[in-house]
C-alpha atoms as a PDB file:
ATOM      1  CA  MET A   1      16.391   7.147 -24.946  1.00  0.00           C
ATOM      2  CA  TRP A   2      16.987   4.620 -22.168  1.00  0.00           C
ATOM      3  CA  SER A   3      17.828   1.080 -23.095  1.00  0.00           C
ATOM      4  CA  ASN A   4      16.556  -1.963 -21.260  1.00  0.00           C
ATOM      5  CA  ASN A   5      20.019  -2.549 -19.727  1.00  0.00           C
ATOM      6  CA  CYS A   6      20.088   0.875 -18.034  1.00  0.00           C
ATOM      7  CA  THR A   7      21.664   0.673 -14.584  1.00  0.00           C
ATOM      8  CA  SER A   8      21.716   3.068 -11.675  1.00  0.00           C
ATOM      9  CA  VAL A   9      24.539   1.228  -9.914  1.00  0.00           C
ATOM     10  CA  ILE A  10      26.849  -1.005 -11.903  1.00  0.00           C
ATOM     11  CA  GLY A  11      25.288  -4.427 -12.112  1.00  0.00           C
ATOM     12  CA  HIS A  12      21.851  -3.473 -10.709  1.00  0.00           C
ATOM     13  CA  PRO A  13      19.205  -2.931 -13.396  1.00  0.00           C
ATOM     14  CA  VAL A  14      16.744  -0.032 -13.227  1.00  0.00           C
ATOM     15  CA  ILE A  15      13.137  -1.174 -13.069  1.00  0.00           C
ATOM     16  CA  SER A  16      11.359   0.777 -15.785  1.00  0.00           C
ATOM     17  CA  HIS A  17       7.974  -0.918 -15.520  1.00  0.00           C
ATOM     18  CA  VAL A  18       5.965  -2.749 -12.878  1.00  0.00           C
ATOM     19  CA  ASP A  19       5.425  -6.458 -13.462  1.00  0.00           C
ATOM     20  CA  ILE A  20       1.907  -7.210 -12.212  1.00  0.00           C
ATOM     21  CA  ASP A  21       2.560 -10.965 -12.095  1.00  0.00           C
ATOM     22  CA  PHE A  22       5.545 -10.407  -9.810  1.00  0.00           C
ATOM     23  CA  LEU A  23       3.479  -8.254  -7.462  1.00  0.00           C
ATOM     24  CA  ALA A  24       0.815 -10.950  -7.245  1.00  0.00           C
ATOM     25  CA  HIS A  25       3.376 -13.309  -5.630  1.00  0.00           C
ATOM     26  CA  THR A  26       4.559 -10.967  -2.911  1.00  0.00           C
ATOM     27  CA  ASP A  27       3.289 -10.767   0.644  1.00  0.00           C
ATOM     28  CA  ALA A  28       2.990  -6.988   0.603  1.00  0.00           C
ATOM     29  CA  ALA A  29      -0.401  -5.404   0.988  1.00  0.00           C
ATOM     30  CA  PRO A  30      -1.715  -3.549  -2.053  1.00  0.00           C
ATOM     31  CA  LEU A  31      -1.067   0.170  -2.152  1.00  0.00           C
ATOM     32  CA  LYS A  32      -3.939   2.247  -0.825  1.00  0.00           C
ATOM     33  CA  PRO A  33      -4.916   5.346  -2.792  1.00  0.00           C
ATOM     34  CA  ILE A  34      -3.839   8.623  -1.216  1.00  0.00           C
ATOM     35  CA  PRO A  35      -6.872  10.556   0.069  1.00  0.00           C
ATOM     36  CA  PHE A  36      -7.760  13.767  -1.749  1.00  0.00           C
ATOM     37  CA  LEU A  37      -7.614  15.851   1.431  1.00  0.00           C
ATOM     38  CA  GLU A  38      -4.064  14.662   2.158  1.00  0.00           C
ATOM     39  CA  ILE A  39      -2.982  15.558  -1.380  1.00  0.00           C
ATOM     40  CA  PHE A  40      -4.636  18.978  -1.072  1.00  0.00           C
ATOM     41  CA  PHE A  41      -2.914  19.795   2.224  1.00  0.00           C
ATOM     42  CA  LYS A  42       0.477  18.610   0.948  1.00  0.00           C
ATOM     43  CA  ILE A  43       0.184  20.793  -2.150  1.00  0.00           C
ATOM     44  CA  PHE A  44      -0.996  23.764  -0.073  1.00  0.00           C
ATOM     45  CA  PHE A  45       1.801  23.555   2.512  1.00  0.00           C
ATOM     46  CA  TYR A  46       4.536  22.836  -0.050  1.00  0.00           C
ATOM     47  CA  PHE A  47       3.350  25.852  -2.061  1.00  0.00           C
ATOM     48  CA  LEU A  48       3.278  27.991   1.104  1.00  0.00           C
ATOM     49  CA  ALA A  49       6.805  26.878   2.068  1.00  0.00           C
ATOM     50  CA  PHE A  50       7.985  27.580  -1.489  1.00  0.00           C
ATOM     51  CA  LEU A  51       6.541  31.116  -1.404  1.00  0.00           C
ATOM     52  CA  VAL A  52       8.076  31.851   2.007  1.00  0.00           C
ATOM     53  CA  ASP A  53      11.417  30.531   0.753  1.00  0.00           C
ATOM     54  CA  ILE A  54      11.450  32.635  -2.409  1.00  0.00           C
ATOM     55  CA  ILE A  55      10.022  35.834  -0.908  1.00  0.00           C
ATOM     56  CA  GLY A  56      12.019  35.736   2.346  1.00  0.00           C
ATOM     57  CA  ASN A  57      15.370  35.008   0.739  1.00  0.00           C
ATOM     58  CA  SER A  58      14.734  37.543  -2.026  1.00  0.00           C
ATOM     59  CA  ILE A  59      14.069  40.225   0.601  1.00  0.00           C
ATOM     60  CA  VAL A  60      17.349  39.350   2.345  1.00  0.00           C
ATOM     61  CA  ILE A  61      19.263  39.598  -0.936  1.00  0.00           C
ATOM     62  CA  PHE A  62      17.576  42.879  -1.883  1.00  0.00           C
ATOM     63  CA  ILE A  63      18.228  44.526   1.501  1.00  0.00           C
ATOM     64  CA  ILE A  64      21.919  43.638   1.451  1.00  0.00           C
ATOM     65  CA  TYR A  65      22.248  44.673  -2.195  1.00  0.00           C
ATOM     66  CA  ALA A  66      20.387  47.993  -1.708  1.00  0.00           C
ATOM     67  CA  ASN A  67      22.360  49.169   1.356  1.00  0.00           C
ATOM     68  CA  LYS A  68      25.997  49.759   0.535  1.00  0.00           C
ATOM     69  CA  ARG A  69      27.063  49.730   4.204  1.00  0.00           C
ATOM     70  CA  MET A  70      25.609  46.225   4.652  1.00  0.00           C
ATOM     71  CA  ARG A  71      28.015  44.720   2.121  1.00  0.00           C
ATOM     72  CA  THR A  72      30.346  43.151   4.646  1.00  0.00           C
ATOM     73  CA  SER A  73      32.004  39.774   4.375  1.00  0.00           C
ATOM     74  CA  ALA A  74      29.520  38.228   6.808  1.00  0.00           C
ATOM     75  CA  ASN A  75      26.566  39.576   4.839  1.00  0.00           C
ATOM     76  CA  ILE A  76      28.040  38.307   1.587  1.00  0.00           C
ATOM     77  CA  LEU A  77      28.016  34.846   3.156  1.00  0.00           C
ATOM     78  CA  ILE A  78      24.374  35.391   4.146  1.00  0.00           C
ATOM     79  CA  VAL A  79      23.532  36.362   0.544  1.00  0.00           C
ATOM     80  CA  ASN A  80      25.338  33.236  -0.629  1.00  0.00           C
ATOM     81  CA  LEU A  81      23.261  31.164   1.789  1.00  0.00           C
ATOM     82  CA  ALA A  82      20.050  32.848   0.626  1.00  0.00           C
ATOM     83  CA  ILE A  83      20.872  32.134  -3.034  1.00  0.00           C
ATOM     84  CA  SER A  84      21.609  28.497  -2.208  1.00  0.00           C
ATOM     85  CA  ASP A  85      18.323  28.250  -0.327  1.00  0.00           C
ATOM     86  CA  ILE A  86      16.395  29.713  -3.284  1.00  0.00           C
ATOM     87  CA  LEU A  87      18.023  27.164  -5.601  1.00  0.00           C
ATOM     88  CA  VAL A  88      17.082  24.326  -3.265  1.00  0.00           C
ATOM     89  CA  GLY A  89      13.504  25.590  -3.194  1.00  0.00           C
ATOM     90  CA  CYS A  90      13.290  25.921  -6.975  1.00  0.00           C
ATOM     91  CA  CYS A  91      15.003  22.668  -7.866  1.00  0.00           C
ATOM     92  CA  CYS A  92      14.140  20.270  -5.060  1.00  0.00           C
ATOM     93  CA  MET A  93      10.796  21.098  -3.453  1.00  0.00           C
ATOM     94  CA  TRP A  94       8.623  20.321  -6.481  1.00  0.00           C
ATOM     95  CA  VAL A  95      10.264  16.925  -6.855  1.00  0.00           C
ATOM     96  CA  HIS A  96       9.503  16.040  -3.240  1.00  0.00           C
ATOM     97  CA  LEU A  97       5.924  17.207  -3.703  1.00  0.00           C
ATOM     98  CA  GLY A  98       5.467  15.080  -6.818  1.00  0.00           C
ATOM     99  CA  ASN A  99       6.898  12.093  -4.985  1.00  0.00           C
ATOM    100  CA  GLN A 100       4.635  12.694  -1.970  1.00  0.00           C
ATOM    101  CA  ILE A 101       1.350  12.903  -3.888  1.00  0.00           C
ATOM    102  CA  THR A 102       1.934   9.847  -6.077  1.00  0.00           C
ATOM    103  CA  GLN A 103       2.721   6.292  -5.093  1.00  0.00           C
ATOM    104  CA  ASN A 104       5.519   5.740  -7.595  1.00  0.00           C
ATOM    105  CA  TRP A 105       8.301   7.947  -8.958  1.00  0.00           C
ATOM    106  CA  PRO A 106       6.416  10.058 -11.541  1.00  0.00           C
ATOM    107  CA  PHE A 107       9.303  11.784 -13.332  1.00  0.00           C
ATOM    108  CA  GLY A 108      11.084   9.040 -15.260  1.00  0.00           C
ATOM    109  CA  ALA A 109      14.556   7.530 -15.180  1.00  0.00           C
ATOM    110  CA  PHE A 110      16.488  10.616 -16.331  1.00  0.00           C
ATOM    111  CA  LEU A 111      15.091  12.928 -13.657  1.00  0.00           C
ATOM    112  CA  CYS A 112      15.623  10.213 -11.058  1.00  0.00           C
ATOM    113  CA  LYS A 113      19.355  10.367 -11.675  1.00  0.00           C
ATOM    114  CA  PHE A 114      19.653  14.065 -12.534  1.00  0.00           C
ATOM    115  CA  GLU A 115      17.595  15.310  -9.589  1.00  0.00           C
ATOM    116  CA  THR A 116      19.665  13.221  -7.185  1.00  0.00           C
ATOM    117  CA  PHE A 117      22.782  14.952  -8.507  1.00  0.00           C
ATOM    118  CA  VAL A 118      21.160  18.411  -8.336  1.00  0.00           C
ATOM    119  CA  GLN A 119      19.895  17.895  -4.788  1.00  0.00           C
ATOM    120  CA  GLY A 120      23.266  16.630  -3.625  1.00  0.00           C
ATOM    121  CA  THR A 121      25.027  19.607  -5.214  1.00  0.00           C
ATOM    122  CA  PHE A 122      22.665  22.205  -3.761  1.00  0.00           C
ATOM    123  CA  PHE A 123      22.644  20.692  -0.288  1.00  0.00           C
ATOM    124  CA  LEU A 124      26.441  20.545  -0.333  1.00  0.00           C
ATOM    125  CA  SER A 125      26.432  24.220  -1.304  1.00  0.00           C
ATOM    126  CA  LEU A 126      24.111  25.030   1.607  1.00  0.00           C
ATOM    127  CA  PHE A 127      26.241  22.981   3.973  1.00  0.00           C
ATOM    128  CA  LEU A 128      29.500  24.647   2.923  1.00  0.00           C
ATOM    129  CA  ASN A 129      27.982  28.142   3.009  1.00  0.00           C
ATOM    130  CA  PHE A 130      26.599  27.546   6.482  1.00  0.00           C
ATOM    131  CA  HIS A 131      29.960  26.341   7.735  1.00  0.00           C
ATOM    132  CA  MET A 132      31.805  29.279   6.167  1.00  0.00           C
ATOM    133  CA  PHE A 133      29.389  31.606   7.935  1.00  0.00           C
ATOM    134  CA  SER A 134      29.835  29.720  11.228  1.00  0.00           C
ATOM    135  CA  ILE A 135      33.629  29.923  10.968  1.00  0.00           C
ATOM    136  CA  ARG A 136      33.373  33.656  10.256  1.00  0.00           C
ATOM    137  CA  CYS A 137      31.158  34.197  13.313  1.00  0.00           C
ATOM    138  CA  LEU A 138      33.499  32.133  15.476  1.00  0.00           C
ATOM    139  CA  GLN A 139      36.419  34.192  14.203  1.00  0.00           C
ATOM    140  CA  LEU A 140      34.636  37.419  15.152  1.00  0.00           C
ATOM    141  CA  LEU A 141      33.707  36.100  18.597  1.00  0.00           C
ATOM    142  CA  THR A 142      37.167  34.714  19.319  1.00  0.00           C
ATOM    143  CA  TRP A 143      39.392  37.551  18.119  1.00  0.00           C
ATOM    144  CA  GLY A 144      36.886  40.404  17.966  1.00  0.00           C
ATOM    145  CA  GLU A 145      38.266  41.596  14.662  1.00  0.00           C
ATOM    146  CA  THR A 146      36.451  42.585  11.519  1.00  0.00           C
ATOM    147  CA  ILE A 147      38.461  41.191   8.664  1.00  0.00           C
ATOM    148  CA  ASN A 148      36.987  42.102   5.289  1.00  0.00           C
ATOM    149  CA  TYR A 149      39.110  39.756   3.216  1.00  0.00           C
ATOM    150  CA  LEU A 150      36.185  38.866   0.933  1.00  0.00           C
ATOM    151  CA  LEU A 151      35.637  42.416  -0.301  1.00  0.00           C
END
């Protein structure tokens, strides 16, 4: 699938394998294995954060969806933020975990490029949703009006 001349940035080749002879001539210390206890705690806390992310944001979405009077423009922005946060949890957290418990990138060249795009897109979505919500709150505090232009 990937050729030997694959590049991540024009003119800079992607290293697809580790040359042991090259590493023997460097001054860097050899990589130490990651202790089992550290790997266990990282997996446990990433899984816990993932569950809190999914359950907490799902509850927020359900509450706003279930109560018709809570469907205001500000709450729609909160639902948007919750959906973006769920997508970040589903698409980004497992990649960080895999990178934390191994010493090299374990997912291959395609996911290296694709996951960078996905993470950038989802974090931009979170950023823009947060700023839309902040502008809406500032508008309410400044003028004291409830403008439901999103509904």
